[in-house]
Amino acid sequence: MFASPEFWVIVAFVVFIAAVARRAYRESTRRLDERAARIRAELDEAVRLREEAQALLAGYERRQRDAEAEAQAIVHRAEEDARAVAAKAEADLESSIRRRTELAQLKIAQAEAQALRDVRETAVEVATAATRRLIVENLDEQRAGALIDKAIAEAARKLH
């Protein structure tokens, strides 16, 4: 059996197949390990990317909430400012109306006083003119002398 060439061909063939199978096994194992490592790395990368995406999403949601809160605060401040401006404008308007009313009342009072002065002056002028006309029409020299004497007597009496 050891002397037969077929035996040695079979032994050589088995050794060759074992060597090739061992090498093929090592190569296929190495490739499978590489592929498993690559898949593991891709899975790790996917997990890392997923965690990063979740962190980004949480950050964006937090920023959105902060922005909404800030927008609400801005709206609230704007409403308060608008109310304050409206109240100030109303107070300014009331003050302006009060000042204008006081000024108008003062002008009316001044106009009334001026009108009274004008009426008095006119009345004095009319009375003076009427008196002058009456005196000129009704006074003769004898009556004028008597009136002057009477006025002098009264003045002397009032001075003493």
Foldseek 3Di string as FASTA:
>chain_A
DVPDVVVVVVVVVVVVCVVVVVVVVVVVVVVVVVVVVVVVVVVVVVVVVVVVVVVVVVVVVVVVVVVVVVVVVVVVVVVVVVVVVVVVVVVVVVVVVVVVVVVVVVVVVVVVVVVVVVVVVVVVVVVVVVVVVCCVVPPDPVNVVVVVVVVVVVVVVVVD
